Amino acid sequence: MPLRKSHRTLLAAATACAAVAFAPAAASASTLSQNLTCAGQAVSSPFAKWGDFASYWLAPGGDFETGSTGWTMSNATIVAGNDTLGVKAGTKSLKLGGASLSTVSKVTTPPFCVDPTHPQFKFTVKSNSATTLLTTYINFRASTGSTLTVAAKLNTFTFGQWAVSASQPLATQIPALFLGTGTTATITFKAISSSLAGSVNVDNVMIDPYRRG
């Protein structure tokens, strides 16, 4: 009997230790999710003529009409010339690459709120070279304050024509532990020039706030 009692005591102590061990992890997850729900944004259906009737809102500065305010840019510039598709009226777009062979161009959006109702994003694009590639990445914050990055999509486009990009994963690419009900994220566009003329124009970066019902 004393042996059984001792065994139960040890089992209770082990259970208590396990609860203490897992408590910090639970708190960390709560910190990561921030317990936020993203505020509503003014939405439209800019891609309806291409069969996409979803609602979208414009990423911060995503039409480049106010220049590069809030964006971080490397080997990229704002140029004259809006997309010719009629997605959103304007006079400017973003140009990545073209400075020299193998130039790496990177631009990153200002931070914005993402929750599980923001599964994807799209943009308009024009490739000025037959072989220039454009990769998108999602950056989000960990509880430590450091930034984590995951690849979204590698894109290729028809040379010389404005087009609507394929859907790019957003919330669906961020692990649930880090996404919670709201977090702060940015999108990075990266292009590598394959020739002296290897550049790509990007315009009208749109976020899809999908909601059921």
C-alpha atoms as a PDB file:
ATOM      1  CA  MET A   1       0.000   0.000   0.000  1.00  0.00           C
ATOM      2  CA  PRO A   2       2.708   2.575   0.855  1.00  0.00           C
ATOM      3  CA  LEU A   3       4.320   1.834  -2.506  1.00  0.00           C
ATOM      4  CA  ARG A   4       1.055   2.580  -4.345  1.00  0.00           C
ATOM      5  CA  LYS A   5       0.601   5.826  -2.453  1.00  0.00           C
ATOM      6  CA  SER A   6       4.121   6.898  -3.327  1.00  0.00           C
ATOM      7  CA  HIS A   7       3.463   6.094  -6.989  1.00  0.00           C
ATOM      8  CA  ARG A   8       0.340   8.260  -7.016  1.00  0.00           C
ATOM      9  CA  THR A   9       2.223  11.110  -5.361  1.00  0.00           C
ATOM     10  CA  LEU A  10       4.947  10.938  -7.981  1.00  0.00           C
ATOM     11  CA  LEU A  11       2.359  10.838 -10.769  1.00  0.00           C
ATOM     12  CA  ALA A  12       0.626  13.944  -9.404  1.00  0.00           C
ATOM     13  CA  ALA A  13       3.948  15.749  -9.133  1.00  0.00           C
ATOM     14  CA  ALA A  14       4.864  14.828 -12.698  1.00  0.00           C
ATOM     15  CA  THR A  15       1.496  16.092 -13.966  1.00  0.00           C
ATOM     16  CA  ALA A  16       1.987  19.395 -12.154  1.00  0.00           C
ATOM     17  CA  CYS A  17       5.460  19.795 -13.655  1.00  0.00           C
ATOM     18  CA  ALA A  18       4.100  19.113 -17.130  1.00  0.00           C
ATOM     19  CA  ALA A  19       1.448  21.802 -16.669  1.00  0.00           C
ATOM     20  CA  VAL A  20       4.123  24.292 -15.642  1.00  0.00           C
ATOM     21  CA  ALA A  21       6.312  23.269 -18.585  1.00  0.00           C
ATOM     22  CA  PHE A  22       3.556  23.898 -21.115  1.00  0.00           C
ATOM     23  CA  ALA A  23       2.329  27.174 -19.591  1.00  0.00           C
ATOM     24  CA  PRO A  24       5.004  29.393 -21.240  1.00  0.00           C
ATOM     25  CA  ALA A  25       4.238  27.890 -24.664  1.00  0.00           C
ATOM     26  CA  ALA A  26       0.551  28.714 -24.282  1.00  0.00           C
ATOM     27  CA  ALA A  27       1.371  32.259 -23.263  1.00  0.00           C
ATOM     28  CA  SER A  28       3.726  32.585 -26.210  1.00  0.00           C
ATOM     29  CA  ALA A  29       1.030  31.481 -28.659  1.00  0.00           C
ATOM     30  CA  SER A  30      -1.345  34.032 -27.163  1.00  0.00           C
ATOM     31  CA  THR A  31       1.273  36.733 -27.605  1.00  0.00           C
ATOM     32  CA  LEU A  32       1.843  35.696 -31.197  1.00  0.00           C
ATOM     33  CA  SER A  33      -1.818  35.819 -32.149  1.00  0.00           C
ATOM     34  CA  GLN A  34      -2.181  39.240 -30.494  1.00  0.00           C
ATOM     35  CA  ASN A  35      -5.902  38.470 -30.087  1.00  0.00           C
ATOM     36  CA  LEU A  36      -6.718  40.917 -32.849  1.00  0.00           C
ATOM     37  CA  THR A  37      -9.250  40.916 -35.645  1.00  0.00           C
ATOM     38  CA  CYS A  38      -8.357  43.084 -38.622  1.00  0.00           C
ATOM     39  CA  ALA A  39     -10.594  46.107 -39.138  1.00  0.00           C
ATOM     40  CA  GLY A  40     -12.731  46.179 -42.254  1.00  0.00           C
ATOM     41  CA  GLN A  41     -11.424  47.848 -45.387  1.00  0.00           C
ATOM     42  CA  ALA A  42     -13.177  49.474 -48.340  1.00  0.00           C
ATOM     43  CA  VAL A  43     -13.486  46.707 -50.928  1.00  0.00           C
ATOM     44  CA  SER A  44     -14.283  46.331 -54.631  1.00  0.00           C
ATOM     45  CA  SER A  45     -14.234  43.556 -57.245  1.00  0.00           C
ATOM     46  CA  PRO A  46     -11.390  44.750 -59.504  1.00  0.00           C
ATOM     47  CA  PHE A  47     -10.832  41.384 -61.224  1.00  0.00           C
ATOM     48  CA  ALA A  48     -14.455  40.591 -62.122  1.00  0.00           C
ATOM     49  CA  LYS A  49     -13.804  40.837 -65.885  1.00  0.00           C
ATOM     50  CA  TRP A  50     -11.360  37.939 -65.515  1.00  0.00           C
ATOM     51  CA  GLY A  51     -13.927  35.768 -63.723  1.00  0.00           C
ATOM     52  CA  ASP A  52     -12.748  36.554 -60.189  1.00  0.00           C
ATOM     53  CA  PHE A  53     -15.739  38.109 -58.421  1.00  0.00           C
ATOM     54  CA  ALA A  54     -14.098  38.187 -54.975  1.00  0.00           C
ATOM     55  CA  SER A  55     -13.814  41.453 -53.063  1.00  0.00           C
ATOM     56  CA  TYR A  56     -10.359  42.980 -52.600  1.00  0.00           C
ATOM     57  CA  TRP A  57      -8.862  45.954 -50.794  1.00  0.00           C
ATOM     58  CA  LEU A  58      -5.784  47.875 -51.848  1.00  0.00           C
ATOM     59  CA  ALA A  59      -2.585  47.113 -49.930  1.00  0.00           C
ATOM     60  CA  PRO A  60      -1.052  50.217 -48.292  1.00  0.00           C
ATOM     61  CA  GLY A  61       0.326  52.337 -51.148  1.00  0.00           C
ATOM     62  CA  GLY A  62      -0.378  49.410 -53.479  1.00  0.00           C
ATOM     63  CA  ASP A  63      -1.254  51.611 -56.466  1.00  0.00           C
ATOM     64  CA  PHE A  64       2.007  53.652 -56.125  1.00  0.00           C
ATOM     65  CA  GLU A  65       0.148  56.892 -56.798  1.00  0.00           C
ATOM     66  CA  THR A  66       1.782  58.431 -53.703  1.00  0.00           C
ATOM     67  CA  GLY A  67       5.210  57.157 -54.717  1.00  0.00           C
ATOM     68  CA  SER A  68       7.088  54.699 -52.513  1.00  0.00           C
ATOM     69  CA  THR A  69       5.830  56.094 -49.188  1.00  0.00           C
ATOM     70  CA  GLY A  70       6.074  53.341 -46.569  1.00  0.00           C
ATOM     71  CA  TRP A  71       7.724  50.843 -48.928  1.00  0.00           C
ATOM     72  CA  THR A  72      11.330  49.652 -48.661  1.00  0.00           C
ATOM     73  CA  MET A  73      13.017  49.424 -52.062  1.00  0.00           C
ATOM     74  CA  SER A  74      16.291  48.160 -53.512  1.00  0.00           C
ATOM     75  CA  ASN A  75      17.105  48.495 -57.236  1.00  0.00           C
ATOM     76  CA  ALA A  76      13.521  49.522 -57.903  1.00  0.00           C
ATOM     77  CA  THR A  77      11.745  52.769 -58.694  1.00  0.00           C
ATOM     78  CA  ILE A  78       8.329  54.314 -59.227  1.00  0.00           C
ATOM     79  CA  VAL A  79       7.767  55.105 -62.916  1.00  0.00           C
ATOM     80  CA  ALA A  80       5.142  56.756 -65.086  1.00  0.00           C
ATOM     81  CA  GLY A  81       2.547  54.441 -66.568  1.00  0.00           C
ATOM     82  CA  ASN A  82      -0.394  52.728 -64.872  1.00  0.00           C
ATOM     83  CA  ASP A  83      -1.476  49.213 -65.785  1.00  0.00           C
ATOM     84  CA  THR A  84      -3.571  49.265 -68.959  1.00  0.00           C
ATOM     85  CA  LEU A  85      -6.147  46.755 -67.702  1.00  0.00           C
ATOM     86  CA  GLY A  86      -8.411  49.198 -65.908  1.00  0.00           C
ATOM     87  CA  VAL A  87      -8.061  47.512 -62.506  1.00  0.00           C
ATOM     88  CA  LYS A  88      -7.629  50.893 -60.813  1.00  0.00           C
ATOM     89  CA  ALA A  89      -7.171  54.318 -62.337  1.00  0.00           C
ATOM     90  CA  GLY A  90      -3.793  55.969 -61.928  1.00  0.00           C
ATOM     91  CA  THR A  91      -0.627  57.196 -63.616  1.00  0.00           C
ATOM     92  CA  LYS A  92       2.193  55.263 -61.909  1.00  0.00           C
ATOM     93  CA  SER A  93       3.554  51.779 -61.335  1.00  0.00           C
ATOM     94  CA  LEU A  94       6.550  50.065 -59.744  1.00  0.00           C
ATOM     95  CA  LYS A  95       9.557  48.916 -61.797  1.00  0.00           C
ATOM     96  CA  LEU A  96      11.958  46.239 -60.548  1.00  0.00           C
ATOM     97  CA  GLY A  97      15.250  45.338 -62.212  1.00  0.00           C
ATOM     98  CA  GLY A  98      16.736  46.388 -65.528  1.00  0.00           C
ATOM     99  CA  ALA A  99      19.841  48.109 -64.160  1.00  0.00           C
ATOM    100  CA  SER A 100      22.275  45.373 -65.223  1.00  0.00           C
ATOM    101  CA  LEU A 101      22.559  41.647 -65.796  1.00  0.00           C
ATOM    102  CA  SER A 102      21.652  39.588 -62.697  1.00  0.00           C
ATOM    103  CA  THR A 103      20.526  42.648 -60.743  1.00  0.00           C
ATOM    104  CA  VAL A 104      18.454  41.634 -57.714  1.00  0.00           C
ATOM    105  CA  SER A 105      15.529  43.968 -57.034  1.00  0.00           C
ATOM    106  CA  LYS A 106      13.474  43.803 -53.854  1.00  0.00           C
ATOM    107  CA  VAL A 107      10.542  45.854 -52.602  1.00  0.00           C
ATOM    108  CA  THR A 108       8.471  45.352 -49.459  1.00  0.00           C
ATOM    109  CA  THR A 109       5.043  46.754 -48.637  1.00  0.00           C
ATOM    110  CA  PRO A 110       4.267  48.740 -45.514  1.00  0.00           C
ATOM    111  CA  PRO A 111       2.963  46.530 -42.668  1.00  0.00           C
ATOM    112  CA  PHE A 112      -0.719  45.650 -42.630  1.00  0.00           C
ATOM    113  CA  CYS A 113      -3.018  43.431 -40.584  1.00  0.00           C
ATOM    114  CA  VAL A 114      -3.673  39.856 -41.704  1.00  0.00           C
ATOM    115  CA  ASP A 115      -6.069  37.365 -40.143  1.00  0.00           C
ATOM    116  CA  PRO A 116      -7.493  34.030 -41.372  1.00  0.00           C
ATOM    117  CA  THR A 117     -10.014  35.878 -43.572  1.00  0.00           C
ATOM    118  CA  HIS A 118      -7.178  37.131 -45.829  1.00  0.00           C
ATOM    119  CA  PRO A 119      -6.135  33.994 -47.724  1.00  0.00           C
ATOM    120  CA  GLN A 120      -4.503  35.529 -50.796  1.00  0.00           C
ATOM    121  CA  PHE A 121      -3.468  38.583 -52.791  1.00  0.00           C
ATOM    122  CA  LYS A 122      -3.130  39.559 -56.441  1.00  0.00           C
ATOM    123  CA  PHE A 123      -1.519  42.329 -58.461  1.00  0.00           C
ATOM    124  CA  THR A 124      -1.132  43.475 -62.042  1.00  0.00           C
ATOM    125  CA  VAL A 125       2.193  42.973 -63.763  1.00  0.00           C
ATOM    126  CA  LYS A 126       4.069  43.493 -67.030  1.00  0.00           C
ATOM    127  CA  SER A 127       7.281  41.641 -67.857  1.00  0.00           C
ATOM    128  CA  ASN A 128       9.782  43.509 -70.013  1.00  0.00           C
ATOM    129  CA  SER A 129      11.896  40.415 -70.604  1.00  0.00           C
ATOM    130  CA  ALA A 130      10.986  36.922 -71.727  1.00  0.00           C
ATOM    131  CA  THR A 131      12.882  35.302 -68.855  1.00  0.00           C
ATOM    132  CA  THR A 132      12.577  37.627 -65.860  1.00  0.00           C
ATOM    133  CA  LEU A 133      11.119  35.863 -62.818  1.00  0.00           C
ATOM    134  CA  LEU A 134       9.250  37.487 -59.943  1.00  0.00           C
ATOM    135  CA  THR A 135       9.013  35.786 -56.556  1.00  0.00           C
ATOM    136  CA  THR A 136       6.696  36.893 -53.760  1.00  0.00           C
ATOM    137  CA  TYR A 137       7.331  36.345 -50.045  1.00  0.00           C
ATOM    138  CA  ILE A 138       5.288  36.814 -46.866  1.00  0.00           C
ATOM    139  CA  ASN A 139       7.002  38.324 -43.807  1.00  0.00           C
ATOM    140  CA  PHE A 140       5.416  38.086 -40.362  1.00  0.00           C
ATOM    141  CA  ARG A 141       6.504  38.644 -36.769  1.00  0.00           C
ATOM    142  CA  ALA A 142       7.288  36.052 -34.108  1.00  0.00           C
ATOM    143  CA  SER A 143       6.636  36.589 -30.394  1.00  0.00           C
ATOM    144  CA  THR A 144      10.329  37.427 -29.971  1.00  0.00           C
ATOM    145  CA  GLY A 145       9.894  40.377 -32.322  1.00  0.00           C
ATOM    146  CA  SER A 146      12.001  38.801 -35.059  1.00  0.00           C
ATOM    147  CA  THR A 147      10.653  38.595 -38.614  1.00  0.00           C
ATOM    148  CA  LEU A 148      10.012  35.229 -40.241  1.00  0.00           C
ATOM    149  CA  THR A 149       9.715  34.841 -44.019  1.00  0.00           C
ATOM    150  CA  VAL A 150       8.011  32.205 -46.170  1.00  0.00           C
ATOM    151  CA  ALA A 151       7.940  32.013 -49.964  1.00  0.00           C
ATOM    152  CA  ALA A 152       4.542  32.705 -51.510  1.00  0.00           C
ATOM    153  CA  LYS A 153       4.882  32.067 -55.270  1.00  0.00           C
ATOM    154  CA  LEU A 154       7.357  32.031 -58.163  1.00  0.00           C
ATOM    155  CA  ASN A 155       5.781  33.876 -61.092  1.00  0.00           C
ATOM    156  CA  THR A 156       6.443  33.983 -64.828  1.00  0.00           C
ATOM    157  CA  PHE A 157       4.558  36.276 -67.203  1.00  0.00           C
ATOM    158  CA  THR A 158       3.884  36.937 -70.864  1.00  0.00           C
ATOM    159  CA  PHE A 159       6.480  39.289 -72.312  1.00  0.00           C
ATOM    160  CA  GLY A 160       5.433  42.887 -72.933  1.00  0.00           C
ATOM    161  CA  GLN A 161       1.796  42.729 -71.825  1.00  0.00           C
ATOM    162  CA  TRP A 162       0.026  43.821 -68.645  1.00  0.00           C
ATOM    163  CA  ALA A 163      -1.674  40.867 -66.977  1.00  0.00           C
ATOM    164  CA  VAL A 164      -3.354  39.908 -63.707  1.00  0.00           C
ATOM    165  CA  SER A 165      -1.140  37.720 -61.567  1.00  0.00           C
ATOM    166  CA  ALA A 166      -2.144  34.295 -60.342  1.00  0.00           C
ATOM    167  CA  SER A 167      -3.501  34.179 -56.796  1.00  0.00           C
ATOM    168  CA  GLN A 168      -0.647  34.454 -54.299  1.00  0.00           C
ATOM    169  CA  PRO A 169      -1.063  32.777 -50.881  1.00  0.00           C
ATOM    170  CA  LEU A 170      -1.155  35.116 -47.887  1.00  0.00           C
ATOM    171  CA  ALA A 171      -2.843  33.958 -44.651  1.00  0.00           C
ATOM    172  CA  THR A 172      -2.841  30.394 -45.971  1.00  0.00           C
ATOM    173  CA  GLN A 173       0.977  30.517 -46.071  1.00  0.00           C
ATOM    174  CA  ILE A 174       1.425  31.729 -42.475  1.00  0.00           C
ATOM    175  CA  PRO A 175       1.429  28.895 -39.886  1.00  0.00           C
ATOM    176  CA  ALA A 176      -1.672  29.074 -37.679  1.00  0.00           C
ATOM    177  CA  LEU A 177       0.448  29.478 -34.540  1.00  0.00           C
ATOM    178  CA  PHE A 178       1.762  32.779 -35.862  1.00  0.00           C
ATOM    179  CA  LEU A 179      -1.427  33.912 -37.558  1.00  0.00           C
ATOM    180  CA  GLY A 180      -3.931  33.619 -34.716  1.00  0.00           C
ATOM    181  CA  THR A 181      -6.840  35.969 -35.324  1.00  0.00           C
ATOM    182  CA  GLY A 182      -4.689  38.867 -36.472  1.00  0.00           C
ATOM    183  CA  THR A 183      -1.036  39.642 -37.025  1.00  0.00           C
ATOM    184  CA  THR A 184       1.141  42.172 -38.813  1.00  0.00           C
ATOM    185  CA  ALA A 185       2.641  41.128 -42.129  1.00  0.00           C
ATOM    186  CA  THR A 186       4.351  42.551 -45.202  1.00  0.00           C
ATOM    187  CA  ILE A 187       4.744  41.290 -48.765  1.00  0.00           C
ATOM    188  CA  THR A 188       8.114  41.287 -50.540  1.00  0.00           C
ATOM    189  CA  PHE A 189       8.503  41.227 -54.336  1.00  0.00           C
ATOM    190  CA  LYS A 190      11.873  40.009 -55.607  1.00  0.00           C
ATOM    191  CA  ALA A 191      13.030  39.989 -59.238  1.00  0.00           C
ATOM    192  CA  ILE A 192      16.369  38.983 -60.750  1.00  0.00           C
ATOM    193  CA  SER A 193      17.252  40.542 -64.100  1.00  0.00           C
ATOM    194  CA  SER A 194      18.174  37.966 -66.725  1.00  0.00           C
ATOM    195  CA  SER A 195      19.353  40.581 -69.228  1.00  0.00           C
ATOM    196  CA  LEU A 196      20.112  44.301 -69.494  1.00  0.00           C
ATOM    197  CA  ALA A 197      16.438  44.826 -70.321  1.00  0.00           C
ATOM    198  CA  GLY A 198      15.271  42.377 -67.671  1.00  0.00           C
ATOM    199  CA  SER A 199      12.703  44.312 -65.693  1.00  0.00           C
ATOM    200  CA  VAL A 200       9.141  43.898 -64.532  1.00  0.00           C
ATOM    201  CA  ASN A 201       6.425  46.416 -63.659  1.00  0.00           C
ATOM    202  CA  VAL A 202       3.994  45.830 -60.790  1.00  0.00           C
ATOM    203  CA  ASP A 203       0.827  47.770 -60.017  1.00  0.00           C
ATOM    204  CA  ASN A 204      -2.343  47.598 -57.909  1.00  0.00           C
ATOM    205  CA  VAL A 205      -1.459  45.132 -55.159  1.00  0.00           C
ATOM    206  CA  MET A 206      -4.806  43.861 -53.834  1.00  0.00           C
ATOM    207  CA  ILE A 207      -5.618  41.845 -50.688  1.00  0.00           C
ATOM    208  CA  ASP A 208      -8.521  39.386 -50.685  1.00  0.00           C
ATOM    209  CA  PRO A 209     -10.595  39.637 -47.464  1.00  0.00           C
ATOM    210  CA  TYR A 210     -12.538  36.404 -47.950  1.00  0.00           C
ATOM    211  CA  ARG A 211     -15.534  35.974 -45.670  1.00  0.00           C
ATOM    212  CA  ARG A 212     -18.078  33.160 -45.490  1.00  0.00           C
ATOM    213  CA  GLY A 213     -21.784  33.782 -45.851  1.00  0.00           C
END
